[in-house]
Amino acid sequence: QVQLVESGGGLVQAGGSLRPSCVVSGTFFRINSMGWYRQAPGKQLELVAGISRTGITNYADYVKGRFTISRDNEKTVYLQMNGLKPEDTAIYYCNAQVAGHTLTYTTYWGQGTQVTVSS
């Protein structure tokens, strides 16, 4: 059973920083891309940043220059968030494309971590 466990959210003042992390646990053969999404109250889920197995990254325009996604090893992904704004307040979810022994990829999601930025 593959699980994604997030941690590192919290409450911070505008201009502050947070670094949530996400770890994949369970039995698997390989993890391909990983990413962070967010959902603010009353809004749709949106991509924040993604990182491929080889380290290629992509970002939403509204976080470029402020957020950095990184991978420590195959199964841990971080989101360094600097210069946080009140509009960054949301539940942040990580996801991962995970393959079992059949090499069929399935997308898994974490439970979400709350990030709240006060003005």
C-alpha atoms as a PDB file:
ATOM      1  CA  GLN A   1       0.000   0.000   0.000  1.00  0.00           C
ATOM      2  CA  VAL A   2       1.545   3.247  -1.153  1.00  0.00           C
ATOM      3  CA  GLN A   3       0.982   6.319   0.976  1.00  0.00           C
ATOM      4  CA  LEU A   4       2.104   9.925   0.721  1.00  0.00           C
ATOM      5  CA  VAL A   5       2.609  11.709   4.023  1.00  0.00           C
ATOM      6  CA  GLU A   6       2.977  15.480   4.095  1.00  0.00           C
ATOM      7  CA  SER A   7       4.250  17.697   6.861  1.00  0.00           C
ATOM      8  CA  GLY A   8       5.570  21.214   7.322  1.00  0.00           C
ATOM      9  CA  GLY A   9       2.570  23.421   6.741  1.00  0.00           C
ATOM     10  CA  GLY A  10       1.510  26.019   9.255  1.00  0.00           C
ATOM     11  CA  LEU A  11       0.710  29.642  10.004  1.00  0.00           C
ATOM     12  CA  VAL A  12       3.126  32.354   8.928  1.00  0.00           C
ATOM     13  CA  GLN A  13       3.062  36.098   8.430  1.00  0.00           C
ATOM     14  CA  ALA A  14       3.217  37.628   4.987  1.00  0.00           C
ATOM     15  CA  GLY A  15       6.787  37.626   3.708  1.00  0.00           C
ATOM     16  CA  GLY A  16       7.673  34.555   5.729  1.00  0.00           C
ATOM     17  CA  SER A  17       8.769  31.089   4.645  1.00  0.00           C
ATOM     18  CA  LEU A  18       7.667  27.494   5.005  1.00  0.00           C
ATOM     19  CA  ARG A  19       9.102  24.235   3.705  1.00  0.00           C
ATOM     20  CA  PRO A  20       6.559  21.438   3.565  1.00  0.00           C
ATOM     21  CA  SER A  21       7.778  17.945   2.723  1.00  0.00           C
ATOM     22  CA  CYS A  22       6.165  14.796   1.380  1.00  0.00           C
ATOM     23  CA  VAL A  23       7.435  11.233   1.751  1.00  0.00           C
ATOM     24  CA  VAL A  24       6.255   8.193  -0.194  1.00  0.00           C
ATOM     25  CA  SER A  25       6.003   5.019   1.854  1.00  0.00           C
ATOM     26  CA  GLY A  26       5.059   1.455   1.052  1.00  0.00           C
ATOM     27  CA  THR A  27       6.147  -1.034  -1.563  1.00  0.00           C
ATOM     28  CA  PHE A  28       6.827   0.190  -5.076  1.00  0.00           C
ATOM     29  CA  PHE A  29       9.229  -0.277  -7.962  1.00  0.00           C
ATOM     30  CA  ARG A  30       9.776   3.298  -9.123  1.00  0.00           C
ATOM     31  CA  ILE A  31       8.533   6.845  -8.652  1.00  0.00           C
ATOM     32  CA  ASN A  32       8.356   9.050 -11.715  1.00  0.00           C
ATOM     33  CA  SER A  33       7.301  12.662 -11.330  1.00  0.00           C
ATOM     34  CA  MET A  34       6.187  14.317  -8.117  1.00  0.00           C
ATOM     35  CA  GLY A  35       4.387  17.572  -7.583  1.00  0.00           C
ATOM     36  CA  TRP A  36       2.601  20.006  -5.340  1.00  0.00           C
ATOM     37  CA  TYR A  37      -0.924  21.278  -5.856  1.00  0.00           C
ATOM     38  CA  ARG A  38      -3.059  23.582  -3.775  1.00  0.00           C
ATOM     39  CA  GLN A  39      -6.689  24.337  -3.212  1.00  0.00           C
ATOM     40  CA  ALA A  40      -7.873  27.563  -1.637  1.00  0.00           C
ATOM     41  CA  PRO A  41     -11.374  27.880  -0.168  1.00  0.00           C
ATOM     42  CA  GLY A  42     -13.932  28.129  -2.935  1.00  0.00           C
ATOM     43  CA  LYS A  43     -11.352  27.574  -5.661  1.00  0.00           C
ATOM     44  CA  GLN A  44     -10.286  24.693  -7.834  1.00  0.00           C
ATOM     45  CA  LEU A  45      -7.240  22.543  -7.296  1.00  0.00           C
ATOM     46  CA  GLU A  46      -4.273  24.048  -9.133  1.00  0.00           C
ATOM     47  CA  LEU A  47      -0.728  23.013  -9.896  1.00  0.00           C
ATOM     48  CA  VAL A  48       1.972  24.784  -7.916  1.00  0.00           C
ATOM     49  CA  ALA A  49       5.132  22.979  -9.033  1.00  0.00           C
ATOM     50  CA  GLY A  50       6.317  19.673 -10.401  1.00  0.00           C
ATOM     51  CA  ILE A  51       9.601  17.795 -10.632  1.00  0.00           C
ATOM     52  CA  SER A  52      10.506  14.883 -12.863  1.00  0.00           C
ATOM     53  CA  ARG A  53      12.508  11.821 -11.924  1.00  0.00           C
ATOM     54  CA  THR A  54      15.538  13.475 -13.546  1.00  0.00           C
ATOM     55  CA  GLY A  55      15.068  16.760 -11.709  1.00  0.00           C
ATOM     56  CA  ILE A  56      13.391  18.850 -14.370  1.00  0.00           C
ATOM     57  CA  THR A  57      11.088  21.356 -12.689  1.00  0.00           C
ATOM     58  CA  ASN A  58       8.090  23.416 -13.704  1.00  0.00           C
ATOM     59  CA  TYR A  59       6.209  26.108 -11.822  1.00  0.00           C
ATOM     60  CA  ALA A  60       2.954  28.006 -11.946  1.00  0.00           C
ATOM     61  CA  ASP A  61       3.580  31.599 -12.959  1.00  0.00           C
ATOM     62  CA  TYR A  62       2.304  32.934  -9.658  1.00  0.00           C
ATOM     63  CA  VAL A  63       5.053  31.173  -7.656  1.00  0.00           C
ATOM     64  CA  LYS A  64       8.026  31.572  -9.969  1.00  0.00           C
ATOM     65  CA  GLY A  65      10.896  33.218  -8.139  1.00  0.00           C
ATOM     66  CA  ARG A  66       9.322  32.549  -4.726  1.00  0.00           C
ATOM     67  CA  PHE A  67       8.853  28.758  -4.484  1.00  0.00           C
ATOM     68  CA  THR A  68      11.387  26.005  -5.184  1.00  0.00           C
ATOM     69  CA  ILE A  69      10.565  22.321  -5.553  1.00  0.00           C
ATOM     70  CA  SER A  70      13.265  19.753  -4.889  1.00  0.00           C
ATOM     71  CA  ARG A  71      13.751  16.058  -4.351  1.00  0.00           C
ATOM     72  CA  ASP A  72      16.043  14.706  -1.687  1.00  0.00           C
ATOM     73  CA  ASN A  73      15.880  11.124  -2.956  1.00  0.00           C
ATOM     74  CA  GLU A  74      13.475   9.146  -5.059  1.00  0.00           C
ATOM     75  CA  LYS A  75      10.660   9.311  -2.516  1.00  0.00           C
ATOM     76  CA  THR A  76      10.908  12.687  -0.756  1.00  0.00           C
ATOM     77  CA  VAL A  77       9.872  16.003  -2.244  1.00  0.00           C
ATOM     78  CA  TYR A  78      10.058  19.474  -0.708  1.00  0.00           C
ATOM     79  CA  LEU A  79       8.487  22.810  -1.506  1.00  0.00           C
ATOM     80  CA  GLN A  80      10.530  25.758  -0.268  1.00  0.00           C
ATOM     81  CA  MET A  81       8.113  28.672  -0.074  1.00  0.00           C
ATOM     82  CA  ASN A  82       9.588  32.142   0.389  1.00  0.00           C
ATOM     83  CA  GLY A  83       7.938  35.533   0.235  1.00  0.00           C
ATOM     84  CA  LEU A  84       4.581  34.081   1.169  1.00  0.00           C
ATOM     85  CA  LYS A  85       1.476  36.147   0.469  1.00  0.00           C
ATOM     86  CA  PRO A  86      -2.020  35.921   1.968  1.00  0.00           C
ATOM     87  CA  GLU A  87      -3.248  34.646  -1.395  1.00  0.00           C
ATOM     88  CA  ASP A  88      -0.978  31.608  -0.970  1.00  0.00           C
ATOM     89  CA  THR A  89      -3.283  30.429   1.817  1.00  0.00           C
ATOM     90  CA  ALA A  90      -4.569  26.987   0.834  1.00  0.00           C
ATOM     91  CA  ILE A  91      -4.356  23.289   1.525  1.00  0.00           C
ATOM     92  CA  TYR A  92      -1.266  21.996  -0.232  1.00  0.00           C
ATOM     93  CA  TYR A  93      -1.277  18.454  -1.600  1.00  0.00           C
ATOM     94  CA  CYS A  94       1.606  16.458  -2.976  1.00  0.00           C
ATOM     95  CA  ASN A  95       1.237  13.771  -5.573  1.00  0.00           C
ATOM     96  CA  ALA A  96       3.452  11.162  -7.117  1.00  0.00           C
ATOM     97  CA  GLN A  97       3.363   8.826 -10.094  1.00  0.00           C
ATOM     98  CA  VAL A  98       4.270   5.449  -8.626  1.00  0.00           C
ATOM     99  CA  ALA A  99       4.882   2.185 -10.449  1.00  0.00           C
ATOM    100  CA  GLY A 100       4.586  -1.259  -8.965  1.00  0.00           C
ATOM    101  CA  HIS A 101       6.275  -4.414 -10.241  1.00  0.00           C
ATOM    102  CA  THR A 102       4.106  -4.354 -13.362  1.00  0.00           C
ATOM    103  CA  LEU A 103       5.560  -0.914 -14.255  1.00  0.00           C
ATOM    104  CA  THR A 104       2.075   0.539 -14.524  1.00  0.00           C
ATOM    105  CA  TYR A 105       2.044   4.049 -13.062  1.00  0.00           C
ATOM    106  CA  THR A 106      -0.656   5.180 -10.658  1.00  0.00           C
ATOM    107  CA  THR A 107      -1.034   8.710  -9.294  1.00  0.00           C
ATOM    108  CA  TYR A 108      -1.220   8.900  -5.518  1.00  0.00           C
ATOM    109  CA  TRP A 109      -2.118  11.906  -3.371  1.00  0.00           C
ATOM    110  CA  GLY A 110      -1.225  13.006   0.109  1.00  0.00           C
ATOM    111  CA  GLN A 111      -3.764  14.041   2.714  1.00  0.00           C
ATOM    112  CA  GLY A 112      -2.899  17.726   2.415  1.00  0.00           C
ATOM    113  CA  THR A 113      -1.197  20.217   4.689  1.00  0.00           C
ATOM    114  CA  GLN A 114      -2.702  23.582   5.586  1.00  0.00           C
ATOM    115  CA  VAL A 115      -0.718  26.722   4.819  1.00  0.00           C
ATOM    116  CA  THR A 116      -2.104  29.956   6.201  1.00  0.00           C
ATOM    117  CA  VAL A 117      -0.486  33.321   5.531  1.00  0.00           C
ATOM    118  CA  SER A 118      -1.621  36.249   7.624  1.00  0.00           C
ATOM    119  CA  SER A 119      -1.413  39.844   6.432  1.00  0.00           C
END
